[in-house]
Amino acid sequence: MRSAVVKRSVIVGGHKTSISLEDAFWTSLKEIAVSRQTNCSVLLSEIDEGRQEPNLSSAIRQFVLEFYQERARQTRG
């Protein structure tokens, strides 16, 4: 079963844009922002500034994946 893609309007780098992501990625972004004591807008701006991907939605998915991969490595360590 596929997760529904949700399109949301957000502020990234001071500019309003819309991003389409699966709900699980939106939830993960919120969790990561809370763990870093920041908000999603700031986190999205950081991802946007440092991305290698041409597509912001892909860069966000990659960021979330890498975040949880690193967390898994640390718990195994």
N, C-alpha and C. Protein backbone atom coordinates (compact mmCIF):
# COMPACT_ATOMS: atom_id res chain seq x y z
N MET A 1 0.84 -1.18 0.00
CA MET A 1 0.00 0.00 0.00
C MET A 1 0.89 1.25 0.00
N ARG A 2 0.58 2.18 -0.86
CA ARG A 2 1.38 3.38 -0.99
C ARG A 2 0.86 4.48 -0.08
N SER A 3 1.79 5.25 0.46
CA SER A 3 1.44 6.40 1.28
C SER A 3 1.02 7.55 0.37
N ALA A 4 0.01 8.27 0.76
CA ALA A 4 -0.47 9.40 -0.03
C ALA A 4 0.54 10.55 0.03
N VAL A 5 0.73 11.18 -1.10
CA VAL A 5 1.60 12.35 -1.16
C VAL A 5 0.78 13.55 -0.73
N VAL A 6 1.38 14.34 0.17
CA VAL A 6 0.71 15.52 0.70
C VAL A 6 1.48 16.75 0.26
N LYS A 7 0.78 17.72 -0.33
CA LYS A 7 1.41 18.96 -0.77
C LYS A 7 1.13 20.03 0.28
N ARG A 8 2.22 20.68 0.74
CA ARG A 8 2.07 21.71 1.76
C ARG A 8 2.80 22.97 1.34
N SER A 9 2.24 24.10 1.74
CA SER A 9 2.91 25.38 1.52
C SER A 9 3.81 25.63 2.72
N VAL A 10 5.06 25.98 2.45
CA VAL A 10 6.05 26.20 3.50
C VAL A 10 6.91 27.42 3.14
N ILE A 11 7.66 27.88 4.13
CA ILE A 11 8.62 28.95 3.92
C ILE A 11 10.01 28.31 3.91
N VAL A 12 10.74 28.50 2.82
CA VAL A 12 12.09 27.96 2.69
C VAL A 12 13.01 29.11 2.29
N GLY A 13 13.96 29.42 3.15
CA GLY A 13 14.88 30.51 2.85
C GLY A 13 14.17 31.84 2.69
N GLY A 14 13.10 32.04 3.44
CA GLY A 14 12.36 33.29 3.38
C GLY A 14 11.36 33.39 2.24
N HIS A 15 11.23 32.33 1.44
CA HIS A 15 10.32 32.34 0.31
C HIS A 15 9.25 31.27 0.47
N LYS A 16 8.03 31.61 0.13
CA LYS A 16 6.94 30.65 0.20
C LYS A 16 7.01 29.73 -1.02
N THR A 17 6.89 28.44 -0.77
CA THR A 17 6.88 27.44 -1.84
C THR A 17 5.99 26.29 -1.42
N SER A 18 5.74 25.38 -2.31
CA SER A 18 4.98 24.19 -1.94
C SER A 18 5.85 22.97 -2.20
N ILE A 19 5.72 22.00 -1.30
CA ILE A 19 6.51 20.78 -1.36
C ILE A 19 5.57 19.59 -1.24
N SER A 20 5.77 18.61 -2.11
CA SER A 20 4.97 17.39 -2.07
C SER A 20 5.81 16.25 -1.51
N LEU A 21 5.34 15.69 -0.39
CA LEU A 21 6.01 14.57 0.27
C LEU A 21 4.97 13.61 0.83
N GLU A 22 5.36 12.38 0.99
CA GLU A 22 4.51 11.42 1.67
C GLU A 22 4.36 11.85 3.13
N ASP A 23 3.22 11.51 3.72
CA ASP A 23 2.94 11.93 5.09
C ASP A 23 4.02 11.47 6.07
N ALA A 24 4.58 10.29 5.85
CA ALA A 24 5.62 9.78 6.75
C ALA A 24 6.85 10.71 6.76
N PHE A 25 7.16 11.31 5.62
CA PHE A 25 8.29 12.23 5.57
C PHE A 25 7.98 13.55 6.27
N TRP A 26 6.74 14.03 6.15
CA TRP A 26 6.36 15.23 6.88
C TRP A 26 6.46 14.98 8.39
N THR A 27 5.97 13.84 8.83
CA THR A 27 6.04 13.49 10.25
C THR A 27 7.49 13.41 10.71
N SER A 28 8.34 12.78 9.91
CA SER A 28 9.76 12.65 10.25
C SER A 28 10.44 14.00 10.31
N LEU A 29 10.12 14.89 9.37
CA LEU A 29 10.71 16.24 9.40
C LEU A 29 10.37 16.95 10.69
N LYS A 30 9.13 16.85 11.12
CA LYS A 30 8.71 17.48 12.37
C LYS A 30 9.48 16.89 13.55
N GLU A 31 9.64 15.57 13.58
CA GLU A 31 10.38 14.91 14.66
C GLU A 31 11.84 15.36 14.69
N ILE A 32 12.45 15.44 13.52
CA ILE A 32 13.85 15.86 13.44
C ILE A 32 13.99 17.31 13.89
N ALA A 33 13.08 18.17 13.47
CA ALA A 33 13.13 19.58 13.88
C ALA A 33 13.03 19.69 15.40
N VAL A 34 12.11 18.96 16.00
CA VAL A 34 11.97 18.98 17.45
C VAL A 34 13.25 18.48 18.13
N SER A 35 13.84 17.42 17.60
CA SER A 35 15.06 16.87 18.21
C SER A 35 16.22 17.85 18.11
N ARG A 36 16.18 18.76 17.15
CA ARG A 36 17.22 19.79 16.97
C ARG A 36 16.82 21.12 17.60
N GLN A 37 15.68 21.12 18.28
CA GLN A 37 15.14 22.32 18.93
C GLN A 37 15.01 23.48 17.95
N THR A 38 14.40 23.19 16.82
CA THR A 38 14.15 24.21 15.80
C THR A 38 12.78 23.96 15.19
N ASN A 39 12.46 24.64 14.12
CA ASN A 39 11.18 24.40 13.45
C ASN A 39 11.41 23.89 12.03
N CYS A 40 10.35 23.44 11.40
CA CYS A 40 10.46 22.84 10.07
C CYS A 40 10.96 23.83 9.03
N SER A 41 10.58 25.08 9.14
CA SER A 41 11.01 26.07 8.17
C SER A 41 12.53 26.25 8.19
N VAL A 42 13.10 26.32 9.38
CA VAL A 42 14.55 26.45 9.51
C VAL A 42 15.24 25.19 8.98
N LEU A 43 14.72 24.03 9.34
CA LEU A 43 15.29 22.76 8.88
C LEU A 43 15.21 22.65 7.36
N LEU A 44 14.08 23.01 6.78
CA LEU A 44 13.93 22.96 5.32
C LEU A 44 14.91 23.91 4.64
N SER A 45 15.14 25.07 5.23
CA SER A 45 16.11 26.02 4.67
C SER A 45 17.52 25.44 4.70
N GLU A 46 17.87 24.76 5.79
CA GLU A 46 19.19 24.12 5.88
C GLU A 46 19.34 23.02 4.82
N ILE A 47 18.30 22.22 4.65
CA ILE A 47 18.33 21.16 3.64
C ILE A 47 18.48 21.78 2.25
N ASP A 48 17.72 22.84 1.99
CA ASP A 48 17.76 23.50 0.69
C ASP A 48 19.16 24.06 0.40
N GLU A 49 19.78 24.69 1.38
CA GLU A 49 21.10 25.29 1.19
C GLU A 49 22.18 24.26 0.92
N GLY A 50 22.06 23.08 1.52
CA GLY A 50 23.11 22.08 1.41
C GLY A 50 22.83 20.96 0.43
N ARG A 51 21.76 21.07 -0.30
CA ARG A 51 21.36 19.92 -1.13
C ARG A 51 22.22 19.74 -2.37
N GLN A 52 22.38 18.46 -2.73
CA GLN A 52 23.03 18.05 -3.97
C GLN A 52 22.00 17.69 -5.02
N GLU A 53 20.79 17.37 -4.56
CA GLU A 53 19.70 16.97 -5.44
C GLU A 53 19.11 18.20 -6.13
N PRO A 54 18.75 18.08 -7.41
CA PRO A 54 18.12 19.22 -8.07
C PRO A 54 16.69 19.46 -7.60
N ASN A 55 16.06 18.44 -7.05
CA ASN A 55 14.68 18.51 -6.61
C ASN A 55 14.64 18.57 -5.08
N LEU A 56 14.00 19.60 -4.53
CA LEU A 56 13.97 19.77 -3.08
C LEU A 56 13.26 18.61 -2.39
N SER A 57 12.17 18.12 -2.94
CA SER A 57 11.48 16.99 -2.31
C SER A 57 12.38 15.77 -2.21
N SER A 58 13.16 15.51 -3.25
CA SER A 58 14.12 14.39 -3.22
C SER A 58 15.20 14.64 -2.17
N ALA A 59 15.66 15.87 -2.07
CA ALA A 59 16.69 16.20 -1.08
C ALA A 59 16.17 15.99 0.33
N ILE A 60 14.91 16.32 0.55
CA ILE A 60 14.30 16.12 1.88
C ILE A 60 14.21 14.64 2.20
N ARG A 61 13.75 13.85 1.25
CA ARG A 61 13.68 12.40 1.48
C ARG A 61 15.06 11.84 1.80
N GLN A 62 16.07 12.26 1.06
CA GLN A 62 17.44 11.80 1.28
C GLN A 62 17.93 12.21 2.67
N PHE A 63 17.64 13.45 3.07
CA PHE A 63 18.03 13.94 4.38
C PHE A 63 17.41 13.10 5.49
N VAL A 64 16.11 12.83 5.38
CA VAL A 64 15.41 12.04 6.40
C VAL A 64 15.99 10.63 6.46
N LEU A 65 16.23 10.02 5.32
CA LEU A 65 16.82 8.68 5.28
C LEU A 65 18.18 8.68 5.97
N GLU A 66 19.03 9.63 5.62
CA GLU A 66 20.37 9.69 6.22
C GLU A 66 20.31 9.95 7.72
N PHE A 67 19.37 10.77 8.16
CA PHE A 67 19.22 11.05 9.59
C PHE A 67 18.93 9.76 10.36
N TYR A 68 17.97 8.98 9.87
CA TYR A 68 17.60 7.76 10.57
C TYR A 68 18.64 6.64 10.39
N GLN A 69 19.35 6.63 9.28
CA GLN A 69 20.45 5.67 9.12
C GLN A 69 21.55 5.96 10.15
N GLU A 70 21.87 7.23 10.32
CA GLU A 70 22.90 7.62 11.30
C GLU A 70 22.45 7.27 12.71
N ARG A 71 21.20 7.50 13.02
CA ARG A 71 20.67 7.17 14.34
C ARG A 71 20.77 5.66 14.58
N ALA A 72 20.47 4.85 13.55
CA ALA A 72 20.55 3.39 13.66
C ALA A 72 21.99 2.96 13.90
N ARG A 73 22.94 3.58 13.19
CA ARG A 73 24.36 3.25 13.39
C ARG A 73 24.81 3.56 14.81
N GLN A 74 24.34 4.68 15.35
CA GLN A 74 24.73 5.07 16.70
C GLN A 74 24.17 4.12 17.74
N THR A 75 22.98 3.60 17.53
CA THR A 75 22.41 2.69 18.52
C THR A 75 23.05 1.30 18.45
N ARG A 76 23.58 0.96 17.28
CA ARG A 76 24.29 -0.33 17.14
C ARG A 76 25.68 -0.27 17.73
N GLY A 77 26.27 0.95 17.69
CA GLY A 77 27.65 1.19 17.99
C GLY A 77 28.20 0.78 19.27
